[in-house]
C-alpha atoms as a PDB file:
ATOM      1  CA  UNK A   1      75.262  56.127  36.369  1.00  0.00           C
ATOM      2  CA  UNK A   2      78.313  55.034  38.325  1.00  0.00           C
ATOM      3  CA  UNK A   3      81.850  55.888  37.423  1.00  0.00           C
ATOM      4  CA  UNK A   4      84.217  53.042  37.627  1.00  0.00           C
ATOM      5  CA  UNK A   5      87.982  53.180  37.663  1.00  0.00           C
ATOM      6  CA  UNK A   6      89.419  50.881  35.042  1.00  0.00           C
ATOM      7  CA  UNK A   7      92.862  49.638  35.558  1.00  0.00           C
ATOM      8  CA  UNK A   8      95.217  48.512  32.889  1.00  0.00           C
ATOM      9  CA  UNK A   9      97.514  46.078  34.606  1.00  0.00           C
ATOM     10  CA  UNK A  10     100.918  45.705  33.166  1.00  0.00           C
ATOM     11  CA  UNK A  11     103.782  44.034  34.930  1.00  0.00           C
ATOM     12  CA  UNK A  12     106.241  41.212  34.453  1.00  0.00           C
ATOM     13  CA  UNK A  13     105.880  39.357  37.698  1.00  0.00           C
ATOM     14  CA  UNK A  14     102.211  38.610  38.088  1.00  0.00           C
ATOM     15  CA  UNK A  15      99.917  41.360  37.029  1.00  0.00           C
ATOM     16  CA  UNK A  16     102.506  43.001  34.897  1.00  0.00           C
ATOM     17  CA  UNK A  17     102.078  43.888  31.373  1.00  0.00           C
ATOM     18  CA  UNK A  18      98.684  45.135  30.468  1.00  0.00           C
ATOM     19  CA  UNK A  19      95.978  44.984  33.075  1.00  0.00           C
ATOM     20  CA  UNK A  20      93.440  47.755  32.741  1.00  0.00           C
ATOM     21  CA  UNK A  21      91.198  48.869  35.533  1.00  0.00           C
ATOM     22  CA  UNK A  22      88.751  51.592  34.831  1.00  0.00           C
ATOM     23  CA  UNK A  23      87.316  54.178  37.071  1.00  0.00           C
ATOM     24  CA  UNK A  24      83.634  53.978  36.348  1.00  0.00           C
ATOM     25  CA  UNK A  25      80.709  56.045  37.361  1.00  0.00           C
ATOM     26  CA  UNK A  26      77.718  53.745  37.686  1.00  0.00           C
ATOM     27  CA  UNK A  27      79.370  51.839  34.952  1.00  0.00           C
ATOM     28  CA  UNK A  28      79.941  48.397  33.654  1.00  0.00           C
ATOM     29  CA  UNK A  29      82.091  47.431  30.700  1.00  0.00           C
ATOM     30  CA  UNK A  30      79.767  45.157  28.763  1.00  0.00           C
ATOM     31  CA  UNK A  31      81.106  41.601  28.917  1.00  0.00           C
ATOM     32  CA  UNK A  32      80.999  39.191  26.012  1.00  0.00           C
ATOM     33  CA  UNK A  33      80.800  35.439  26.308  1.00  0.00           C
ATOM     34  CA  UNK A  34      83.602  33.441  27.920  1.00  0.00           C
ATOM     35  CA  UNK A  35      83.442  31.160  24.901  1.00  0.00           C
ATOM     36  CA  UNK A  36      85.301  33.885  22.967  1.00  0.00           C
ATOM     37  CA  UNK A  37      88.379  33.051  25.027  1.00  0.00           C
ATOM     38  CA  UNK A  38      90.271  29.770  24.472  1.00  0.00           C
ATOM     39  CA  UNK A  39      89.838  27.194  27.229  1.00  0.00           C
ATOM     40  CA  UNK A  40      93.557  27.182  28.033  1.00  0.00           C
ATOM     41  CA  UNK A  41      93.482  30.947  28.551  1.00  0.00           C
ATOM     42  CA  UNK A  42      90.414  30.707  30.795  1.00  0.00           C
ATOM     43  CA  UNK A  43      92.323  28.164  32.879  1.00  0.00           C
ATOM     44  CA  UNK A  44      95.218  30.610  33.289  1.00  0.00           C
ATOM     45  CA  UNK A  45      92.842  33.435  34.231  1.00  0.00           C
ATOM     46  CA  UNK A  46      91.251  31.212  36.876  1.00  0.00           C
ATOM     47  CA  UNK A  47      94.665  30.136  38.166  1.00  0.00           C
ATOM     48  CA  UNK A  48      95.553  33.775  38.741  1.00  0.00           C
ATOM     49  CA  UNK A  49      92.523  34.102  40.986  1.00  0.00           C
ATOM     50  CA  UNK A  50      90.283  36.077  38.626  1.00  0.00           C
ATOM     51  CA  UNK A  51      86.731  35.255  37.656  1.00  0.00           C
ATOM     52  CA  UNK A  52      86.303  33.852  34.137  1.00  0.00           C
ATOM     53  CA  UNK A  53      82.641  34.851  33.931  1.00  0.00           C
ATOM     54  CA  UNK A  54      82.115  37.212  30.997  1.00  0.00           C
ATOM     55  CA  UNK A  55      85.799  37.122  30.012  1.00  0.00           C
ATOM     56  CA  UNK A  56      86.403  38.283  26.450  1.00  0.00           C
ATOM     57  CA  UNK A  57      89.159  39.094  24.013  1.00  0.00           C
ATOM     58  CA  UNK A  58      90.032  42.787  23.688  1.00  0.00           C
ATOM     59  CA  UNK A  59      92.896  44.775  22.244  1.00  0.00           C
ATOM     60  CA  UNK A  60      96.015  43.980  24.243  1.00  0.00           C
ATOM     61  CA  UNK A  61      94.696  40.930  26.067  1.00  0.00           C
ATOM     62  CA  UNK A  62      91.613  39.619  27.829  1.00  0.00           C
ATOM     63  CA  UNK A  63      89.006  41.668  29.680  1.00  0.00           C
ATOM     64  CA  UNK A  64      87.976  40.090  32.991  1.00  0.00           C
ATOM     65  CA  UNK A  65      85.737  41.246  35.826  1.00  0.00           C
ATOM     66  CA  UNK A  66      84.469  44.138  33.688  1.00  0.00           C
ATOM     67  CA  UNK A  67      87.489  46.392  34.143  1.00  0.00           C
ATOM     68  CA  UNK A  68      90.739  44.445  34.213  1.00  0.00           C
ATOM     69  CA  UNK A  69      92.807  43.529  31.181  1.00  0.00           C
ATOM     70  CA  UNK A  70      95.274  40.663  31.435  1.00  0.00           C
ATOM     71  CA  UNK A  71      97.791  40.124  28.648  1.00  0.00           C
ATOM     72  CA  UNK A  72      99.614  36.896  27.790  1.00  0.00           C
ATOM     73  CA  UNK A  73     102.755  38.010  29.599  1.00  0.00           C
ATOM     74  CA  UNK A  74     100.809  38.539  32.805  1.00  0.00           C
ATOM     75  CA  UNK A  75      99.034  35.206  32.510  1.00  0.00           C
ATOM     76  CA  UNK A  76     102.267  33.327  31.904  1.00  0.00           C
ATOM     77  CA  UNK A  77     104.280  34.950  34.705  1.00  0.00           C
ATOM     78  CA  UNK A  78     104.603  33.379  38.122  1.00  0.00           C
ATOM     79  CA  UNK A  79     104.009  35.466  41.247  1.00  0.00           C
ATOM     80  CA  UNK A  80     106.419  35.329  44.173  1.00  0.00           C
ATOM     81  CA  UNK A  81     105.295  38.207  46.422  1.00  0.00           C
ATOM     82  CA  UNK A  82     102.429  38.460  48.941  1.00  0.00           C
ATOM     83  CA  UNK A  83      99.645  41.005  48.723  1.00  0.00           C
ATOM     84  CA  UNK A  84      98.790  43.584  51.320  1.00  0.00           C
ATOM     85  CA  UNK A  85      95.385  43.739  52.909  1.00  0.00           C
ATOM     86  CA  UNK A  86      93.576  46.211  55.091  1.00  0.00           C
ATOM     87  CA  UNK A  87      90.800  44.592  57.079  1.00  0.00           C
ATOM     88  CA  UNK A  88      87.812  42.867  55.503  1.00  0.00           C
ATOM     89  CA  UNK A  89      87.821  45.223  52.545  1.00  0.00           C
ATOM     90  CA  UNK A  90      91.497  45.047  51.782  1.00  0.00           C
ATOM     91  CA  UNK A  91      94.236  47.437  50.848  1.00  0.00           C
ATOM     92  CA  UNK A  92      95.590  45.207  48.152  1.00  0.00           C
ATOM     93  CA  UNK A  93      98.683  45.412  45.995  1.00  0.00           C
ATOM     94  CA  UNK A  94     100.017  43.459  43.045  1.00  0.00           C
ATOM     95  CA  UNK A  95     103.081  41.267  43.248  1.00  0.00           C
ATOM     96  CA  UNK A  96     105.188  43.925  41.520  1.00  0.00           C
ATOM     97  CA  UNK A  97     106.197  47.258  42.970  1.00  0.00           C
ATOM     98  CA  UNK A  98     108.363  50.177  41.918  1.00  0.00           C
ATOM     99  CA  UNK A  99     111.961  49.575  43.000  1.00  0.00           C
ATOM    100  CA  UNK A 100     115.171  51.591  43.181  1.00  0.00           C
ATOM    101  CA  UNK A 101     113.936  53.781  46.043  1.00  0.00           C
ATOM    102  CA  UNK A 102     114.152  56.611  46.802  1.00  0.00           C
ATOM    103  CA  UNK A 103     112.942  57.537  43.365  1.00  0.00           C
ATOM    104  CA  UNK A 104     111.337  60.421  41.487  1.00  0.00           C
ATOM    105  CA  UNK A 105     108.679  59.369  38.959  1.00  0.00           C
ATOM    106  CA  UNK A 106     108.193  61.832  36.113  1.00  0.00           C
ATOM    107  CA  UNK A 107     104.712  62.430  34.701  1.00  0.00           C
ATOM    108  CA  UNK A 108     103.717  64.173  31.454  1.00  0.00           C
ATOM    109  CA  UNK A 109     100.246  65.230  30.270  1.00  0.00           C
ATOM    110  CA  UNK A 110      99.771  65.155  26.494  1.00  0.00           C
ATOM    111  CA  UNK A 111      96.859  66.490  24.461  1.00  0.00           C
ATOM    112  CA  UNK A 112      94.520  67.141  27.378  1.00  0.00           C
ATOM    113  CA  UNK A 113      92.891  70.325  28.684  1.00  0.00           C
ATOM    114  CA  UNK A 114      93.750  72.543  31.623  1.00  0.00           C
ATOM    115  CA  UNK A 115      91.612  70.624  34.116  1.00  0.00           C
ATOM    116  CA  UNK A 116      93.607  67.458  33.430  1.00  0.00           C
ATOM    117  CA  UNK A 117      96.916  69.277  33.832  1.00  0.00           C
ATOM    118  CA  UNK A 118      95.756  70.874  37.082  1.00  0.00           C
ATOM    119  CA  UNK A 119      94.293  67.548  38.207  1.00  0.00           C
ATOM    120  CA  UNK A 120      97.649  65.902  37.620  1.00  0.00           C
ATOM    121  CA  UNK A 121      99.385  68.568  39.686  1.00  0.00           C
ATOM    122  CA  UNK A 122      96.825  68.049  42.456  1.00  0.00           C
ATOM    123  CA  UNK A 123      97.334  64.285  42.490  1.00  0.00           C
ATOM    124  CA  UNK A 124     101.108  64.698  42.516  1.00  0.00           C
ATOM    125  CA  UNK A 125     100.961  67.182  45.393  1.00  0.00           C
ATOM    126  CA  UNK A 126      98.884  64.752  47.449  1.00  0.00           C
ATOM    127  CA  UNK A 127     101.411  61.947  47.022  1.00  0.00           C
ATOM    128  CA  UNK A 128     104.421  64.181  47.599  1.00  0.00           C
ATOM    129  CA  UNK A 129     102.909  65.546  50.818  1.00  0.00           C
ATOM    130  CA  UNK A 130     103.153  62.091  52.406  1.00  0.00           C
ATOM    131  CA  UNK A 131     106.945  62.041  52.579  1.00  0.00           C
ATOM    132  CA  UNK A 132     107.244  58.672  50.829  1.00  0.00           C
ATOM    133  CA  UNK A 133     110.379  57.215  49.261  1.00  0.00           C
ATOM    134  CA  UNK A 134     108.604  57.574  45.930  1.00  0.00           C
ATOM    135  CA  UNK A 135     107.783  61.089  44.702  1.00  0.00           C
ATOM    136  CA  UNK A 136     106.329  62.495  41.482  1.00  0.00           C
ATOM    137  CA  UNK A 137     107.242  65.398  39.200  1.00  0.00           C
ATOM    138  CA  UNK A 138     105.303  66.685  36.189  1.00  0.00           C
ATOM    139  CA  UNK A 139     107.432  67.487  33.167  1.00  0.00           C
ATOM    140  CA  UNK A 140     106.462  69.182  29.880  1.00  0.00           C
ATOM    141  CA  UNK A 141     109.174  67.816  27.586  1.00  0.00           C
ATOM    142  CA  UNK A 142     111.312  64.735  27.256  1.00  0.00           C
ATOM    143  CA  UNK A 143     110.411  61.159  28.117  1.00  0.00           C
ATOM    144  CA  UNK A 144     108.288  60.635  31.230  1.00  0.00           C
ATOM    145  CA  UNK A 145     107.897  57.534  33.355  1.00  0.00           C
ATOM    146  CA  UNK A 146     104.112  57.946  33.222  1.00  0.00           C
ATOM    147  CA  UNK A 147     102.294  59.552  30.289  1.00  0.00           C
ATOM    148  CA  UNK A 148      98.741  60.829  30.758  1.00  0.00           C
ATOM    149  CA  UNK A 149      96.756  60.806  27.515  1.00  0.00           C
ATOM    150  CA  UNK A 150      93.128  60.972  26.459  1.00  0.00           C
ATOM    151  CA  UNK A 151      90.626  58.577  24.924  1.00  0.00           C
ATOM    152  CA  UNK A 152      86.971  59.048  23.957  1.00  0.00           C
ATOM    153  CA  UNK A 153      84.431  56.433  25.022  1.00  0.00           C
ATOM    154  CA  UNK A 154      80.693  56.669  25.613  1.00  0.00           C
ATOM    155  CA  UNK A 155      78.858  54.951  28.498  1.00  0.00           C
ATOM    156  CA  UNK A 156      78.179  51.236  28.158  1.00  0.00           C
ATOM    157  CA  UNK A 157      75.831  49.053  30.183  1.00  0.00           C
ATOM    158  CA  UNK A 158      75.128  51.816  32.688  1.00  0.00           C
ATOM    159  CA  UNK A 159      78.790  52.578  33.379  1.00  0.00           C
ATOM    160  CA  UNK A 160      81.339  54.927  31.925  1.00  0.00           C
ATOM    161  CA  UNK A 161      85.066  54.399  32.160  1.00  0.00           C
ATOM    162  CA  UNK A 162      86.792  57.433  33.660  1.00  0.00           C
ATOM    163  CA  UNK A 163      90.371  56.343  33.278  1.00  0.00           C
ATOM    164  CA  UNK A 164      92.679  53.382  32.910  1.00  0.00           C
ATOM    165  CA  UNK A 165      96.171  52.551  34.046  1.00  0.00           C
ATOM    166  CA  UNK A 166      98.399  49.571  34.731  1.00  0.00           C
ATOM    167  CA  UNK A 167     100.636  47.788  37.193  1.00  0.00           C
ATOM    168  CA  UNK A 168     104.438  48.001  37.534  1.00  0.00           C
ATOM    169  CA  UNK A 169     106.783  45.978  35.360  1.00  0.00           C
ATOM    170  CA  UNK A 170     110.451  45.280  35.965  1.00  0.00           C
ATOM    171  CA  UNK A 171     110.554  47.608  38.951  1.00  0.00           C
ATOM    172  CA  UNK A 172     109.138  50.523  36.941  1.00  0.00           C
ATOM    173  CA  UNK A 173     105.689  52.092  37.212  1.00  0.00           C
ATOM    174  CA  UNK A 174     103.143  51.379  34.493  1.00  0.00           C
ATOM    175  CA  UNK A 175     103.892  53.961  31.820  1.00  0.00           C
ATOM    176  CA  UNK A 176     100.455  55.270  30.814  1.00  0.00           C
ATOM    177  CA  UNK A 177      97.256  56.639  32.293  1.00  0.00           C
ATOM    178  CA  UNK A 178      94.354  57.125  29.860  1.00  0.00           C
ATOM    179  CA  UNK A 179      91.617  59.603  30.780  1.00  0.00           C
ATOM    180  CA  UNK A 180      88.175  59.626  29.155  1.00  0.00           C
ATOM    181  CA  UNK A 181      87.357  62.915  27.418  1.00  0.00           C
ATOM    182  CA  UNK A 182      83.723  62.007  26.682  1.00  0.00           C
ATOM    183  CA  UNK A 183      81.377  64.679  28.159  1.00  0.00           C
ATOM    184  CA  UNK A 184      79.545  62.026  30.190  1.00  0.00           C
ATOM    185  CA  UNK A 185      82.742  61.274  32.100  1.00  0.00           C
ATOM    186  CA  UNK A 186      83.615  64.679  33.572  1.00  0.00           C
ATOM    187  CA  UNK A 187      81.233  67.075  31.845  1.00  0.00           C
ATOM    188  CA  UNK A 188      82.127  69.929  29.521  1.00  0.00           C
ATOM    189  CA  UNK A 189      83.814  71.863  32.333  1.00  0.00           C
ATOM    190  CA  UNK A 190      85.687  69.195  34.346  1.00  0.00           C
ATOM    191  CA  UNK A 191      86.083  69.743  38.086  1.00  0.00           C
ATOM    192  CA  UNK A 192      89.782  69.713  38.959  1.00  0.00           C
ATOM    193  CA  UNK A 193      89.274  67.939  42.304  1.00  0.00           C
ATOM    194  CA  UNK A 194      87.271  65.214  40.585  1.00  0.00           C
ATOM    195  CA  UNK A 195      89.751  64.739  37.742  1.00  0.00           C
ATOM    196  CA  UNK A 196      92.655  64.873  40.176  1.00  0.00           C
ATOM    197  CA  UNK A 197      91.074  62.213  42.376  1.00  0.00           C
ATOM    198  CA  UNK A 198      90.783  59.827  39.430  1.00  0.00           C
ATOM    199  CA  UNK A 199      94.374  60.494  38.360  1.00  0.00           C
ATOM    200  CA  UNK A 200      95.438  59.912  41.970  1.00  0.00           C
ATOM    201  CA  UNK A 201      93.670  56.534  41.829  1.00  0.00           C
ATOM    202  CA  UNK A 202      95.271  55.597  38.514  1.00  0.00           C
ATOM    203  CA  UNK A 203      98.722  56.507  39.820  1.00  0.00           C
ATOM    204  CA  UNK A 204      97.963  54.087  42.649  1.00  0.00           C
ATOM    205  CA  UNK A 205      97.564  51.328  40.067  1.00  0.00           C
ATOM    206  CA  UNK A 206     100.764  52.416  38.311  1.00  0.00           C
ATOM    207  CA  UNK A 207     102.749  51.843  41.503  1.00  0.00           C
ATOM    208  CA  UNK A 208     101.129  48.521  42.333  1.00  0.00           C
ATOM    209  CA  UNK A 209      97.819  48.967  44.162  1.00  0.00           C
ATOM    210  CA  UNK A 210      94.668  47.091  43.289  1.00  0.00           C
ATOM    211  CA  UNK A 211      91.211  48.087  44.453  1.00  0.00           C
ATOM    212  CA  UNK A 212      90.625  48.398  48.178  1.00  0.00           C
ATOM    213  CA  UNK A 213      87.310  46.601  47.714  1.00  0.00           C
ATOM    214  CA  UNK A 214      88.692  43.907  45.411  1.00  0.00           C
ATOM    215  CA  UNK A 215      87.009  41.296  47.644  1.00  0.00           C
ATOM    216  CA  UNK A 216      83.576  42.722  46.770  1.00  0.00           C
ATOM    217  CA  UNK A 217      83.236  45.417  44.106  1.00  0.00           C
ATOM    218  CA  UNK A 218      79.626  45.912  45.124  1.00  0.00           C
ATOM    219  CA  UNK A 219      80.945  47.872  48.105  1.00  0.00           C
ATOM    220  CA  UNK A 220      81.615  50.924  45.911  1.00  0.00           C
ATOM    221  CA  UNK A 221      80.025  49.958  42.581  1.00  0.00           C
ATOM    222  CA  UNK A 222      76.674  48.587  43.761  1.00  0.00           C
ATOM    223  CA  UNK A 223      77.274  45.335  41.889  1.00  0.00           C
ATOM    224  CA  UNK A 224      80.066  42.891  41.158  1.00  0.00           C
ATOM    225  CA  UNK A 225      81.919  40.397  43.302  1.00  0.00           C
ATOM    226  CA  UNK A 226      85.410  39.335  44.290  1.00  0.00           C
ATOM    227  CA  UNK A 227      88.168  40.363  41.889  1.00  0.00           C
ATOM    228  CA  UNK A 228      90.365  37.508  43.102  1.00  0.00           C
ATOM    229  CA  UNK A 229      93.656  37.428  44.982  1.00  0.00           C
ATOM    230  CA  UNK A 230      95.627  36.717  41.803  1.00  0.00           C
ATOM    231  CA  UNK A 231      96.841  33.415  43.211  1.00  0.00           C
ATOM    232  CA  UNK A 232      98.854  34.817  46.118  1.00  0.00           C
ATOM    233  CA  UNK A 233      98.244  35.413  49.804  1.00  0.00           C
ATOM    234  CA  UNK A 234      97.206  38.539  51.682  1.00  0.00           C
ATOM    235  CA  UNK A 235      98.786  40.120  54.734  1.00  0.00           C
ATOM    236  CA  UNK A 236      96.832  42.287  57.155  1.00  0.00           C
ATOM    237  CA  UNK A 237      98.671  45.531  57.846  1.00  0.00           C
ATOM    238  CA  UNK A 238      99.041  45.992  61.629  1.00  0.00           C
ATOM    239  CA  UNK A 239      97.067  48.862  63.114  1.00  0.00           C
ATOM    240  CA  UNK A 240      94.363  48.943  60.461  1.00  0.00           C
ATOM    241  CA  UNK A 241      90.659  48.326  61.130  1.00  0.00           C
ATOM    242  CA  UNK A 242      88.866  45.010  60.798  1.00  0.00           C
ATOM    243  CA  UNK A 243      85.790  46.435  59.068  1.00  0.00           C
ATOM    244  CA  UNK A 244      85.074  47.942  55.629  1.00  0.00           C
ATOM    245  CA  UNK A 245      87.397  50.779  54.644  1.00  0.00           C
ATOM    246  CA  UNK A 246      85.173  53.603  53.440  1.00  0.00           C
ATOM    247  CA  UNK A 247      86.378  56.439  51.197  1.00  0.00           C
ATOM    248  CA  UNK A 248      89.693  54.815  50.264  1.00  0.00           C
ATOM    249  CA  UNK A 249      91.355  56.340  47.215  1.00  0.00           C
ATOM    250  CA  UNK A 250      91.550  52.868  45.660  1.00  0.00           C
ATOM    251  CA  UNK A 251      87.859  51.912  45.803  1.00  0.00           C
ATOM    252  CA  UNK A 252      86.783  50.349  42.495  1.00  0.00           C
ATOM    253  CA  UNK A 253      84.119  52.935  41.655  1.00  0.00           C
ATOM    254  CA  UNK A 254      84.264  56.701  41.989  1.00  0.00           C
ATOM    255  CA  UNK A 255      81.812  58.613  44.151  1.00  0.00           C
ATOM    256  CA  UNK A 256      81.730  61.334  41.516  1.00  0.00           C
ATOM    257  CA  UNK A 257      83.613  63.861  43.598  1.00  0.00           C
ATOM    258  CA  UNK A 258      86.765  64.665  45.521  1.00  0.00           C
ATOM    259  CA  UNK A 259      88.404  61.584  47.061  1.00  0.00           C
ATOM    260  CA  UNK A 260      91.900  61.436  48.481  1.00  0.00           C
ATOM    261  CA  UNK A 261      93.833  59.201  50.903  1.00  0.00           C
ATOM    262  CA  UNK A 262      92.172  58.133  54.120  1.00  0.00           C
ATOM    263  CA  UNK A 263      94.176  57.166  57.201  1.00  0.00           C
ATOM    264  CA  UNK A 264      94.439  53.507  56.198  1.00  0.00           C
ATOM    265  CA  UNK A 265      95.572  54.402  52.683  1.00  0.00           C
ATOM    266  CA  UNK A 266      98.432  56.363  54.207  1.00  0.00           C
ATOM    267  CA  UNK A 267      99.371  53.387  56.380  1.00  0.00           C
ATOM    268  CA  UNK A 268      99.446  51.155  53.298  1.00  0.00           C
ATOM    269  CA  UNK A 269     101.465  53.636  51.216  1.00  0.00           C
ATOM    270  CA  UNK A 270     104.007  54.062  53.976  1.00  0.00           C
ATOM    271  CA  UNK A 271     104.214  50.286  54.377  1.00  0.00           C
ATOM    272  CA  UNK A 272     105.163  49.895  50.705  1.00  0.00           C
ATOM    273  CA  UNK A 273     107.033  53.129  49.979  1.00  0.00           C
END
């Protein structure tokens, strides 16, 4: 079973208000029929560059491409910014980013076990070690910019969702990461490196990154196609390779272990932040 990273996209300027991408492990969120979705909505989904195959209505919006949720605000918002790409399998961002740099993003873990707290600290340390203009700090009280909470969901269609997050809105990071507490996701004794790697991925979505292999999800998931360019262009980052980008922290599906930034991820992060 493959673990897929589900992203909840939420931003006001293109993918901005509730887009969910899930980190799956040999997983697939079971699609319903496109006929569930009104024709005018399908047209908007297609116009954004996403596949309408298997699109269905879910809480908060419309599930497309098995792991992305688009809400009405996202579908009705025009994009004005280009996307970033690394090589043939691209380092790809949404049209919205976190602004007001330099900036400290606060993160709070609520109702989750020790492994999730330690995993959050690990993910934060990895970002902060890069010397970016955006840094992260875990807090235990008060209002955080990003809240990490749990949900409980069994495998479906051969995949299990590990976590979900969203895209920036109004210059702010998406405000929630949801982590699956089902035993089939991380086991009864979750590995901190594994949990931390998924949280690291979901933070990437929160600050505006889409999947590195958005052009072909089969690269990391074994199945699936192009996630679409969301109706905007792509810009190759100078100095990055022209071939597939293995082991990127933003690959659509998890390898079930410890995954952090590769050299091209660092180039992309420095380019944006």
